[in-house]
Amino acid sequence: MTAAVPSLFSAVSVDYRALAPVLIVFVGAMVGVLVGAFVPRARRHVIQLVLALVTLVAALLTLVLATVGHSAKTVGGSVVVDGPAMYLEGLLLVIAILAVLTFGERWGGYEADAFTPMGAATPGSPQEAAATRAGFTTSEVFPLALLATAGMMLFTSANDLITLFISLEVLSLPLYILTGLARRRRLLSQEASLKYFLLGAFSSAFLLFGSALLYGYAGTVDYKGIAAAIVAGGSAYEPLLLPGILLVLVGLLFKIGAAPFQMWTPDVYQGAPTPVTGFMAAGTKAAAFGAILRFGYVGIEAARWDWRWPVIVIAALTMVVGAVLSVTQTDMKRLLAYSSIAHAGFLLVGVLGFSKAGISGVLFYLTAYALSTVAAFAIVGMVRENGAEASHLSQWAGLGKKHPVVAGTFALLLLAFAGIPLTSGFTAKFAAFAPAVTSGGRAGIALVVLAVLCSAVTAFVYIRVIVLMYFTEVAPSEVEALMPSALTTVVVTFGAAATVILGVYPGPVLDLAANAAQFLR
């Protein structure tokens, strides 16, 4: 046994070229922790912001210039960097860059519901004391966001159940903390963080239990080994297979907010600082669907006739719950939360296409949804009344007359969520639904019909908001859309431009997604 140890470790090689983007983000997060420990508070915010942006841009450039085209299995086969992984890593880095820009916003003396001292506050000044009491001196948001991003990137590349669980925890734990960073301004933030942590712990337990059952069935936690055991069949431990698959899927479906595991979503979206909500809504969904695609298409595809029906039911339930309950919402962030639940159901329809076209459709949908979502939450953070977020729908009445540019941009993003033609949402829905129709059989066709009906329901919700902003007469109020700095302007402009371009000229991104839609097995 002792003699076998050196040979075991010598057989594990690390492809640093393939892992370079993830490693750069991890290193940037560690440096950010040191900055938080040793840099004076007055200078911490700017340094952390610049460090986070430099780290993410460096990781993105490394991915494009060095990693793309270099598919590899590394770290003993536990991490796979292939087409879908590289595509999603690039998307996650873009999401993180946009999110960090919103984290660094200062609304002309009022921070975006979040993280650092206001304006030109100096150490010991009344402004800094007020900011501290309000909970705005938390520059740790930047290294926490980097850690979550690195975990998301690793989550999409995990090729065995142990790496899957570790990366799940690496991305989740910083998000639990980020959700509660507005605790001194609103009790909802503290409550949201606790709910997210407790329910996330339950979902992790389901994933671990399912992993144990799959290990008992296949004798390995590696996706390739599990797939080989399923193909071989005839195991004495066959009764462990389906429960193990479903329990692992429960852990993954929790992260996307699929019903009936969506209970955390509206409360966490409402309670978290708005920039964090945008980051979480876009990034977590992209990472979780990357993990679902790899687990479903590489590890357990041979058994899909056993587990596809429970997932079909979950997809249908998710679309219905998200669409119907969004109609009853009066808070903008909760409305977008239930909208995200419906979108999770739409994405599951693409996953159930079980084809290369289904993979590329999901990748494109994630891109369109993520870029629109970050921009939408950036705008939600801009609309305020008496210094506080104006998240109640009634406060948005007449906004189109007072701030036509802000309201018009938000209306564009809502139309994209609804899937109106010439927006990214329409192209994304077509790309995700078409594979389900062509290769999903009758169940796929039925899911697409249900998805179209649910899209009509959500379209009513979004158009109701547009009518509220433009066609509702209200008395003068204190609601204002604050003038953003260059940081938020970049985020909103980029998201709006991507929404239009991906709707009018989606070809290049569709081709990129199609070329990336091949797993390395």
Protein backbone atom coordinates (compact mmCIF):
# COMPACT_ATOMS: atom_id res chain seq x y z
CA MET A 1 0.00 0.00 0.00
CA THR A 2 2.82 2.43 0.87
CA ALA A 3 4.66 1.73 -2.36
CA ALA A 4 1.55 2.51 -4.41
CA VAL A 5 1.22 6.05 -3.11
CA PRO A 6 4.00 7.68 -5.18
CA SER A 7 2.77 6.08 -8.40
CA LEU A 8 -0.75 7.27 -7.62
CA PHE A 9 0.36 10.87 -7.27
CA SER A 10 2.77 10.75 -10.20
CA ALA A 11 -0.13 9.71 -12.45
CA VAL A 12 -2.02 12.94 -11.71
CA SER A 13 -0.92 15.74 -14.03
CA VAL A 14 -2.17 19.32 -14.10
CA ASP A 15 -2.67 21.16 -17.38
CA TYR A 16 -2.05 24.72 -16.25
CA ARG A 17 -2.88 26.14 -19.66
CA ALA A 18 -6.38 24.71 -19.45
CA LEU A 19 -6.85 25.78 -15.83
CA ALA A 20 -5.20 29.20 -16.16
CA PRO A 21 -8.41 31.32 -16.18
CA VAL A 22 -9.76 29.67 -13.04
CA LEU A 23 -6.40 29.90 -11.27
CA ILE A 24 -6.06 33.60 -12.12
CA VAL A 25 -9.45 34.32 -10.54
CA PHE A 26 -8.56 32.30 -7.44
CA VAL A 27 -5.25 34.16 -7.07
CA GLY A 28 -7.00 37.51 -7.51
CA ALA A 29 -9.46 36.57 -4.76
CA MET A 30 -6.62 35.65 -2.39
CA VAL A 31 -4.83 38.93 -3.10
CA GLY A 32 -8.13 40.73 -2.44
CA VAL A 33 -8.31 39.08 0.99
CA LEU A 34 -4.81 40.38 1.76
CA VAL A 35 -5.79 43.85 0.58
CA GLY A 36 -8.74 43.77 2.96
CA ALA A 37 -6.41 42.83 5.81
CA PHE A 38 -3.58 45.31 5.26
CA VAL A 39 -4.80 48.31 3.23
CA PRO A 40 -6.33 51.27 5.12
CA ARG A 41 -10.10 51.48 4.91
CA ALA A 42 -10.12 54.83 3.08
CA ARG A 43 -8.22 53.37 0.11
CA ARG A 44 -9.63 49.87 0.19
CA HIS A 45 -12.64 50.35 -2.07
CA VAL A 46 -10.79 51.70 -5.10
CA ILE A 47 -7.97 49.16 -4.81
CA GLN A 48 -10.37 46.24 -4.47
CA LEU A 49 -12.43 47.43 -7.44
CA VAL A 50 -9.38 47.83 -9.69
CA LEU A 51 -7.91 44.51 -8.53
CA ALA A 52 -11.15 42.64 -9.24
CA LEU A 53 -11.53 44.16 -12.70
CA VAL A 54 -7.88 43.51 -13.62
CA THR A 55 -8.17 39.92 -12.42
CA LEU A 56 -11.33 39.21 -14.41
CA VAL A 57 -10.09 40.89 -17.58
CA ALA A 58 -6.77 39.02 -17.32
CA ALA A 59 -8.64 35.72 -16.90
CA LEU A 60 -10.86 36.50 -19.90
CA LEU A 61 -7.88 37.40 -22.09
CA THR A 62 -6.08 34.24 -21.00
CA LEU A 63 -9.13 32.18 -21.85
CA VAL A 64 -9.43 33.72 -25.32
CA LEU A 65 -5.74 33.78 -26.20
CA ALA A 66 -4.40 30.63 -24.54
CA THR A 67 -7.16 28.24 -23.46
CA VAL A 68 -9.62 28.33 -26.37
CA GLY A 69 -8.82 25.48 -28.72
CA HIS A 70 -6.99 23.57 -26.01
CA SER A 71 -9.43 20.97 -24.73
CA ALA A 72 -8.06 18.80 -21.96
CA LYS A 73 -8.84 16.44 -19.13
CA THR A 74 -6.70 17.37 -16.17
CA VAL A 75 -6.22 16.83 -12.43
CA GLY A 76 -6.65 13.10 -12.84
CA GLY A 77 -9.68 13.53 -15.08
CA SER A 78 -11.68 15.32 -12.40
CA VAL A 79 -11.75 18.57 -14.40
CA VAL A 80 -12.54 18.76 -18.12
CA VAL A 81 -11.96 21.90 -20.15
CA ASP A 82 -13.85 21.46 -23.41
CA GLY A 83 -16.17 23.47 -25.66
CA PRO A 84 -19.10 23.97 -23.26
CA ALA A 85 -16.74 24.63 -20.32
CA MET A 86 -14.75 27.28 -22.20
CA TYR A 87 -17.92 28.95 -23.52
CA LEU A 88 -19.46 29.12 -20.06
CA GLU A 89 -16.21 30.26 -18.45
CA GLY A 90 -16.11 33.16 -20.89
CA LEU A 91 -19.75 33.98 -20.19
CA LEU A 92 -19.21 33.82 -16.43
CA LEU A 93 -16.22 36.15 -16.65
CA VAL A 94 -18.25 38.68 -18.65
CA ILE A 95 -21.06 38.43 -16.08
CA ALA A 96 -18.58 38.93 -13.24
CA ILE A 97 -17.01 41.98 -14.91
CA LEU A 98 -20.43 43.59 -15.33
CA ALA A 99 -21.41 42.68 -11.77
CA VAL A 100 -18.20 44.12 -10.29
CA LEU A 101 -18.89 47.38 -12.12
CA THR A 102 -22.29 47.57 -10.42
CA PHE A 103 -20.68 46.69 -7.06
CA GLY A 104 -18.40 49.71 -7.43
CA GLU A 105 -21.16 52.23 -8.23
CA ARG A 106 -21.58 55.34 -6.09
CA TRP A 107 -24.80 57.20 -6.73
CA GLY A 108 -23.51 60.74 -6.33
CA GLY A 109 -23.18 60.31 -2.58
CA TYR A 110 -25.44 57.31 -2.14
CA GLU A 111 -24.02 53.83 -2.66
CA ALA A 112 -26.00 51.26 -4.63
CA ASP A 113 -27.70 49.66 -1.60
CA ALA A 114 -24.48 48.02 -0.72
CA PHE A 115 -20.96 48.12 0.06
CA THR A 116 -18.64 51.09 0.65
CA PRO A 117 -18.42 54.60 2.10
CA MET A 118 -20.18 57.36 0.21
CA GLY A 119 -18.65 60.02 -1.95
CA ALA A 120 -15.61 61.74 -0.49
CA ALA A 121 -16.06 60.52 3.07
CA THR A 122 -12.79 60.69 4.99
CA PRO A 123 -11.71 58.61 7.99
CA GLY A 124 -13.41 59.83 11.13
CA SER A 125 -15.85 62.08 9.25
CA PRO A 126 -19.61 62.08 9.95
CA GLN A 127 -20.15 60.71 6.45
CA GLU A 128 -17.98 57.69 7.17
CA ALA A 129 -19.69 57.12 10.53
CA ALA A 130 -23.09 57.18 8.83
CA ALA A 131 -21.84 54.85 6.13
CA THR A 132 -20.49 52.42 8.72
CA ARG A 133 -23.78 52.36 10.60
CA ALA A 134 -25.59 51.69 7.33
CA GLY A 135 -23.31 48.78 6.57
CA PHE A 136 -21.66 50.32 3.50
CA THR A 137 -18.01 49.72 4.41
CA THR A 138 -17.91 46.14 3.22
CA SER A 139 -15.26 46.14 0.50
CA GLU A 140 -14.97 42.38 1.00
CA VAL A 141 -17.67 42.12 -1.66
CA PHE A 142 -14.98 42.09 -4.35
CA PRO A 143 -12.88 39.09 -3.22
CA LEU A 144 -16.09 37.26 -2.33
CA ALA A 145 -17.39 37.84 -5.86
CA LEU A 146 -14.10 36.56 -7.29
CA LEU A 147 -14.29 33.41 -5.16
CA ALA A 148 -17.87 32.79 -6.27
CA THR A 149 -16.87 33.32 -9.90
CA ALA A 150 -13.99 30.85 -9.62
CA GLY A 151 -16.34 28.31 -8.06
CA MET A 152 -18.84 28.83 -10.88
CA MET A 153 -16.14 28.30 -13.51
CA LEU A 154 -14.97 25.09 -11.84
CA PHE A 155 -18.59 23.95 -11.46
CA THR A 156 -19.06 23.89 -15.23
CA SER A 157 -15.86 21.82 -15.68
CA ALA A 158 -16.34 19.25 -12.89
CA ASN A 159 -16.10 15.73 -14.29
CA ASP A 160 -16.73 13.74 -11.14
CA LEU A 161 -19.12 14.00 -8.22
CA ILE A 162 -16.49 14.99 -5.65
CA THR A 163 -15.24 17.93 -7.73
CA LEU A 164 -18.86 18.83 -8.43
CA PHE A 165 -19.62 19.06 -4.71
CA ILE A 166 -16.45 21.00 -3.86
CA SER A 167 -17.05 23.56 -6.60
CA LEU A 168 -20.70 23.86 -5.52
CA GLU A 169 -19.59 24.85 -2.03
CA VAL A 170 -16.91 27.22 -3.33
CA LEU A 171 -19.50 29.13 -5.36
CA SER A 172 -22.26 28.94 -2.74
CA LEU A 173 -20.55 30.03 0.48
CA PRO A 174 -19.50 33.47 -0.83
CA LEU A 175 -23.02 33.99 -2.18
CA TYR A 176 -24.52 33.29 1.25
CA ILE A 177 -22.33 36.08 2.66
CA LEU A 178 -22.93 38.47 -0.24
CA THR A 179 -26.69 38.06 0.22
CA GLY A 180 -26.46 39.35 3.79
CA LEU A 181 -24.19 42.34 3.19
CA ALA A 182 -27.04 44.86 3.44
CA ARG A 183 -27.98 43.56 6.89
CA ARG A 184 -27.53 46.95 8.58
CA ARG A 185 -29.91 48.61 6.14
CA ARG A 186 -32.65 45.99 5.95
CA LEU A 187 -33.60 42.96 7.98
CA LEU A 188 -34.68 41.29 4.74
CA SER A 189 -31.03 40.91 3.79
CA GLN A 190 -30.20 39.07 7.00
CA GLU A 191 -33.26 36.86 6.64
CA ALA A 192 -32.48 36.13 2.98
CA SER A 193 -28.93 35.12 3.80
CA LEU A 194 -30.08 32.71 6.50
CA LYS A 195 -32.75 31.15 4.26
CA TYR A 196 -30.31 30.76 1.40
CA PHE A 197 -27.74 29.12 3.67
CA LEU A 198 -30.16 26.67 5.31
CA LEU A 199 -31.87 25.60 2.09
CA GLY A 200 -28.52 25.47 0.30
CA ALA A 201 -27.22 23.14 3.00
CA PHE A 202 -30.21 20.84 2.46
CA SER A 203 -29.60 20.78 -1.30
CA SER A 204 -25.92 19.97 -0.75
CA ALA A 205 -26.95 17.08 1.48
CA PHE A 206 -29.21 15.72 -1.28
CA LEU A 207 -26.34 15.96 -3.76
CA LEU A 208 -23.97 14.14 -1.40
CA PHE A 209 -26.48 11.39 -0.68
CA GLY A 210 -27.11 10.92 -4.39
CA SER A 211 -23.35 10.82 -5.02
CA ALA A 212 -22.98 8.08 -2.42
CA LEU A 213 -25.71 6.02 -4.08
CA LEU A 214 -24.12 6.42 -7.51
CA TYR A 215 -20.77 5.40 -6.07
CA GLY A 216 -22.42 2.33 -4.58
CA TYR A 217 -23.89 1.52 -8.00
CA ALA A 218 -20.87 2.17 -10.22
CA GLY A 219 -17.92 1.85 -7.84
CA THR A 220 -16.64 5.24 -9.01
CA VAL A 221 -17.59 8.91 -8.85
CA ASP A 222 -16.14 9.68 -12.29
CA TYR A 223 -18.74 10.53 -14.94
CA LYS A 224 -17.09 8.28 -17.51
CA GLY A 225 -17.06 5.37 -15.08
CA ILE A 226 -20.71 5.92 -14.16
CA ALA A 227 -21.64 6.04 -17.86
CA ALA A 228 -19.72 2.80 -18.50
CA ALA A 229 -21.48 1.07 -15.60
CA ILE A 230 -24.87 2.15 -16.93
CA VAL A 231 -24.06 0.88 -20.42
CA ALA A 232 -22.80 -2.44 -19.02
CA GLY A 233 -25.96 -2.84 -16.92
CA GLY A 234 -26.89 -5.94 -14.97
CA SER A 235 -25.42 -4.69 -11.69
CA ALA A 236 -26.63 -6.17 -8.43
CA TYR A 237 -26.85 -2.55 -7.23
CA GLU A 238 -29.23 -1.44 -9.99
CA PRO A 239 -31.84 -0.15 -7.47
CA LEU A 240 -29.33 2.53 -6.41
CA LEU A 241 -29.06 4.09 -9.87
CA LEU A 242 -32.29 6.05 -10.31
CA PRO A 243 -32.51 7.34 -6.70
CA GLY A 244 -28.86 8.42 -6.94
CA ILE A 245 -29.44 10.28 -10.20
CA LEU A 246 -32.56 12.03 -8.93
CA LEU A 247 -30.94 13.11 -5.66
CA VAL A 248 -27.94 14.61 -7.47
CA LEU A 249 -30.32 16.38 -9.82
CA VAL A 250 -32.22 17.79 -6.83
CA GLY A 251 -29.00 19.41 -5.63
CA LEU A 252 -28.38 20.90 -9.07
CA LEU A 253 -31.97 21.95 -9.73
CA PHE A 254 -31.99 23.87 -6.44
CA LYS A 255 -29.28 26.18 -7.78
CA ILE A 256 -31.35 27.13 -10.84
CA GLY A 257 -34.51 27.70 -8.79
CA ALA A 258 -36.55 24.94 -10.43
CA ALA A 259 -39.88 24.05 -8.82
CA PRO A 260 -40.50 22.65 -6.27
CA PHE A 261 -37.01 23.71 -5.11
CA GLN A 262 -37.58 27.41 -5.83
CA MET A 263 -38.70 28.49 -2.34
CA TRP A 264 -35.51 30.43 -1.67
CA THR A 265 -35.50 32.41 -4.91
CA PRO A 266 -38.01 35.27 -4.34
CA ASP A 267 -36.92 35.91 -0.74
CA VAL A 268 -33.21 35.89 -1.58
CA TYR A 269 -33.61 38.05 -4.68
CA GLN A 270 -35.64 40.58 -2.69
CA GLY A 271 -33.41 40.65 0.39
CA ALA A 272 -29.97 40.64 -1.21
CA PRO A 273 -28.31 43.92 -2.27
CA THR A 274 -29.51 44.56 -5.81
CA PRO A 275 -26.06 44.30 -7.47
CA VAL A 276 -25.62 40.92 -5.78
CA THR A 277 -29.05 39.82 -6.98
CA GLY A 278 -28.07 40.57 -10.57
CA PHE A 279 -24.79 38.68 -10.22
CA MET A 280 -26.48 35.73 -8.57
CA ALA A 281 -29.40 35.58 -11.00
CA ALA A 282 -27.14 35.51 -14.06
CA GLY A 283 -24.01 33.71 -12.84
CA THR A 284 -25.50 30.95 -10.73
CA LYS A 285 -27.97 29.97 -13.44
CA ALA A 286 -25.23 29.79 -16.08
CA ALA A 287 -22.95 27.71 -13.86
CA ALA A 288 -25.68 25.36 -12.67
CA PHE A 289 -26.94 24.66 -16.17
CA GLY A 290 -23.38 23.95 -17.25
CA ALA A 291 -23.15 21.35 -14.48
CA ILE A 292 -26.56 19.89 -15.37
CA LEU A 293 -25.59 19.59 -19.04
CA ARG A 294 -22.32 17.80 -18.24
CA PHE A 295 -23.86 15.45 -15.68
CA GLY A 296 -26.86 14.69 -17.90
CA TYR A 297 -25.07 14.35 -21.23
CA VAL A 298 -21.79 12.72 -20.09
CA GLY A 299 -22.50 10.83 -16.88
CA ILE A 300 -26.08 9.55 -17.07
CA GLU A 301 -27.21 9.99 -20.67
CA ALA A 302 -27.46 6.21 -21.18
CA ALA A 303 -30.13 6.08 -18.45
CA ARG A 304 -32.09 9.07 -19.66
CA TRP A 305 -35.21 7.03 -20.40
CA ASP A 306 -35.38 6.36 -16.66
CA TRP A 307 -34.85 9.90 -15.35
CA ARG A 308 -36.20 12.10 -18.16
CA TRP A 309 -39.85 11.87 -17.04
CA PRO A 310 -39.25 13.25 -13.54
CA VAL A 311 -37.26 16.10 -15.11
CA ILE A 312 -40.02 16.70 -17.68
CA VAL A 313 -42.51 17.05 -14.82
CA ILE A 314 -40.15 19.42 -12.99
CA ALA A 315 -39.67 21.52 -16.14
CA ALA A 316 -43.43 21.82 -16.65
CA LEU A 317 -44.04 22.66 -12.98
CA THR A 318 -41.23 25.22 -13.01
CA MET A 319 -42.66 27.07 -16.01
CA VAL A 320 -46.17 27.12 -14.55
CA VAL A 321 -45.09 28.21 -11.06
CA GLY A 322 -42.80 30.93 -12.39
CA ALA A 323 -45.35 32.30 -14.85
CA VAL A 324 -48.46 32.15 -12.68
CA LEU A 325 -46.94 33.47 -9.46
CA SER A 326 -45.21 36.33 -11.27
CA VAL A 327 -48.68 37.73 -12.02
CA THR A 328 -49.38 38.26 -8.32
CA GLN A 329 -46.15 40.08 -7.44
CA THR A 330 -46.08 43.72 -6.39
CA ASP A 331 -42.33 43.98 -5.71
CA MET A 332 -40.06 44.42 -8.74
CA LYS A 333 -37.29 42.14 -7.44
CA ARG A 334 -39.74 39.39 -6.52
CA LEU A 335 -41.35 39.73 -9.94
CA LEU A 336 -37.96 39.24 -11.60
CA ALA A 337 -37.31 36.32 -9.25
CA TYR A 338 -40.41 34.46 -10.39
CA SER A 339 -39.50 35.43 -13.95
CA SER A 340 -36.13 33.72 -13.43
CA ILE A 341 -37.95 30.60 -12.24
CA ALA A 342 -39.96 30.53 -15.47
CA HIS A 343 -36.77 30.99 -17.48
CA ALA A 344 -35.23 28.04 -15.64
CA GLY A 345 -38.14 25.94 -16.90
CA PHE A 346 -37.61 27.20 -20.45
CA LEU A 347 -33.95 26.24 -20.24
CA LEU A 348 -34.82 22.76 -18.99
CA VAL A 349 -36.86 22.30 -22.16
CA GLY A 350 -33.66 22.84 -24.14
CA VAL A 351 -31.73 20.43 -21.91
CA LEU A 352 -34.33 17.74 -22.58
CA GLY A 353 -33.70 18.03 -26.33
CA PHE A 354 -30.82 15.53 -25.84
CA SER A 355 -28.90 16.70 -28.89
CA LYS A 356 -26.00 18.92 -29.85
CA ALA A 357 -28.54 21.50 -30.99
CA GLY A 358 -30.09 21.35 -27.51
CA ILE A 359 -26.71 22.10 -25.90
CA SER A 360 -26.03 25.04 -28.21
CA GLY A 361 -29.57 26.37 -27.67
CA VAL A 362 -29.11 26.32 -23.90
CA LEU A 363 -25.71 28.04 -24.18
CA PHE A 364 -27.18 30.81 -26.33
CA TYR A 365 -30.21 31.20 -24.03
CA LEU A 366 -27.92 31.53 -21.01
CA THR A 367 -25.95 34.25 -22.80
CA ALA A 368 -29.00 36.27 -23.78
CA TYR A 369 -30.68 35.89 -20.39
CA ALA A 370 -27.57 36.69 -18.35
CA LEU A 371 -26.65 39.90 -20.15
CA SER A 372 -30.22 41.21 -19.99
CA THR A 373 -30.57 40.25 -16.33
CA VAL A 374 -27.47 42.04 -15.08
CA ALA A 375 -28.55 45.21 -16.90
CA ALA A 376 -32.11 44.93 -15.58
CA PHE A 377 -31.02 44.70 -11.95
CA ALA A 378 -28.61 47.58 -12.49
CA ILE A 379 -31.59 49.71 -13.53
CA VAL A 380 -33.64 48.48 -10.54
CA GLY A 381 -30.83 49.77 -8.31
CA MET A 382 -31.04 53.20 -9.94
CA VAL A 383 -34.73 53.83 -9.18
CA ARG A 384 -35.03 55.31 -5.67
CA GLU A 385 -37.33 57.25 -3.39
CA ASN A 386 -35.98 59.25 -0.46
CA GLY A 387 -32.64 57.42 -0.66
CA ALA A 388 -34.12 53.92 -0.59
CA GLU A 389 -34.78 51.52 -3.43
CA ALA A 390 -38.20 52.01 -5.03
CA SER A 391 -38.88 48.33 -5.58
CA HIS A 392 -42.68 48.39 -5.19
CA LEU A 393 -44.41 48.42 -8.55
CA SER A 394 -46.59 51.38 -7.61
CA GLN A 395 -43.44 53.49 -7.26
CA TRP A 396 -42.57 52.87 -10.92
CA ALA A 397 -45.79 54.47 -12.15
CA GLY A 398 -45.09 57.37 -14.50
CA LEU A 399 -41.34 56.70 -14.60
CA GLY A 400 -41.39 56.81 -18.40
CA LYS A 401 -42.41 60.48 -18.35
CA LYS A 402 -39.85 61.55 -15.75
CA HIS A 403 -36.94 59.42 -17.00
CA PRO A 404 -37.70 58.24 -20.54
CA VAL A 405 -34.23 56.82 -21.25
CA VAL A 406 -34.11 54.68 -18.12
CA ALA A 407 -37.68 53.50 -18.54
CA GLY A 408 -37.18 52.83 -22.25
CA THR A 409 -34.09 50.71 -21.61
CA PHE A 410 -35.87 48.77 -18.90
CA ALA A 411 -38.85 48.24 -21.21
CA LEU A 412 -36.49 46.83 -23.86
CA LEU A 413 -35.08 44.36 -21.36
CA LEU A 414 -38.57 43.33 -20.26
CA LEU A 415 -39.57 42.72 -23.87
CA ALA A 416 -36.50 40.51 -24.23
CA PHE A 417 -37.56 38.50 -21.17
CA ALA A 418 -40.97 38.13 -22.79
CA GLY A 419 -39.43 36.81 -26.01
CA ILE A 420 -40.69 39.53 -28.34
CA PRO A 421 -39.22 39.28 -31.89
CA LEU A 422 -36.09 41.31 -32.71
CA THR A 423 -34.85 40.90 -29.13
CA SER A 424 -32.40 38.35 -27.79
CA GLY A 425 -35.17 36.64 -25.85
CA PHE A 426 -37.04 35.60 -28.99
CA THR A 427 -33.93 34.09 -30.61
CA ALA A 428 -32.98 32.37 -27.38
CA LYS A 429 -36.39 30.76 -26.95
CA PHE A 430 -36.38 29.56 -30.54
CA ALA A 431 -32.87 28.12 -30.15
CA ALA A 432 -33.83 26.26 -26.95
CA PHE A 433 -37.29 25.06 -28.00
CA ALA A 434 -36.53 23.86 -31.54
CA PRO A 435 -34.36 20.86 -30.45
CA ALA A 436 -37.11 19.73 -28.07
CA VAL A 437 -39.58 19.70 -30.96
CA THR A 438 -37.30 17.88 -33.40
CA SER A 439 -35.77 15.28 -31.08
CA GLY A 440 -37.81 15.30 -27.87
CA GLY A 441 -40.77 13.28 -29.15
CA ARG A 442 -44.31 13.96 -28.03
CA ALA A 443 -43.19 14.96 -24.57
CA GLY A 444 -40.84 17.57 -26.08
CA ILE A 445 -43.61 18.99 -28.25
CA ALA A 446 -45.98 19.15 -25.27
CA LEU A 447 -43.33 20.95 -23.20
CA VAL A 448 -42.78 23.50 -25.96
CA VAL A 449 -46.54 24.17 -26.22
CA LEU A 450 -46.67 24.68 -22.45
CA ALA A 451 -43.59 26.92 -22.64
CA VAL A 452 -45.23 29.12 -25.26
CA LEU A 453 -48.37 29.47 -23.11
CA CYS A 454 -46.29 30.34 -20.05
CA SER A 455 -44.33 32.85 -22.14
CA ALA A 456 -47.63 34.53 -22.97
CA VAL A 457 -48.45 34.78 -19.25
CA THR A 458 -45.07 36.30 -18.41
CA ALA A 459 -45.42 38.66 -21.38
CA PHE A 460 -48.60 40.01 -19.75
CA VAL A 461 -46.61 40.66 -16.56
CA TYR A 462 -43.82 42.51 -18.36
CA ILE A 463 -46.18 44.57 -20.51
CA ARG A 464 -48.14 45.49 -17.38
CA VAL A 465 -44.97 47.05 -15.99
CA ILE A 466 -44.39 48.95 -19.24
CA VAL A 467 -47.96 50.25 -19.16
CA LEU A 468 -47.41 51.29 -15.55
CA MET A 469 -44.29 53.28 -16.47
CA TYR A 470 -45.70 55.01 -19.55
CA PHE A 471 -49.49 55.11 -19.43
CA THR A 472 -50.38 55.61 -15.77
CA GLU A 473 -51.23 59.04 -14.43
CA VAL A 474 -49.86 59.60 -10.93
CA ALA A 475 -49.41 62.46 -8.53
CA PRO A 476 -45.89 63.95 -8.28
CA SER A 477 -43.65 61.80 -6.11
CA GLU A 478 -40.08 61.63 -4.83
CA VAL A 479 -39.18 58.65 -7.03
CA GLU A 480 -36.11 59.37 -9.14
CA ALA A 481 -33.80 57.42 -11.41
CA LEU A 482 -30.42 58.50 -10.08
CA MET A 483 -27.72 59.52 -12.50
CA PRO A 484 -25.28 56.60 -12.76
CA SER A 485 -21.53 56.90 -13.08
CA ALA A 486 -19.59 55.47 -16.01
CA LEU A 487 -19.58 52.07 -14.25
CA THR A 488 -23.32 51.45 -14.34
CA THR A 489 -23.65 53.23 -17.67
CA VAL A 490 -21.30 50.65 -19.20
CA VAL A 491 -23.30 47.77 -17.68
CA VAL A 492 -26.71 49.02 -18.83
CA THR A 493 -25.44 50.03 -22.28
CA PHE A 494 -23.71 46.71 -22.81
CA GLY A 495 -26.75 44.73 -21.69
CA ALA A 496 -29.17 46.75 -23.84
CA ALA A 497 -26.89 46.58 -26.88
CA ALA A 498 -26.46 42.82 -26.48
CA THR A 499 -30.24 42.45 -26.20
CA VAL A 500 -30.71 44.17 -29.56
CA ILE A 501 -27.73 42.64 -31.37
CA LEU A 502 -28.53 39.08 -30.30
CA GLY A 503 -32.07 39.61 -31.52
CA VAL A 504 -31.27 41.25 -34.86
CA TYR A 505 -27.95 39.59 -35.74
CA PRO A 506 -27.51 36.46 -33.57
CA GLY A 507 -25.56 34.45 -36.15
CA PRO A 508 -22.01 34.79 -34.78
CA VAL A 509 -22.97 33.88 -31.21
CA LEU A 510 -25.20 31.03 -32.41
CA ASP A 511 -22.28 29.69 -34.44
CA LEU A 512 -19.97 30.06 -31.46
CA ALA A 513 -22.41 28.14 -29.26
CA ALA A 514 -22.85 25.44 -31.91
CA ASN A 515 -19.08 24.99 -32.26
CA ALA A 516 -18.73 24.76 -28.48
CA ALA A 517 -21.55 22.22 -28.02
CA GLN A 518 -19.37 19.11 -27.86
CA PHE A 519 -18.41 17.46 -24.57
CA LEU A 520 -15.02 15.81 -24.16
CA ARG A 521 -15.87 12.38 -22.78
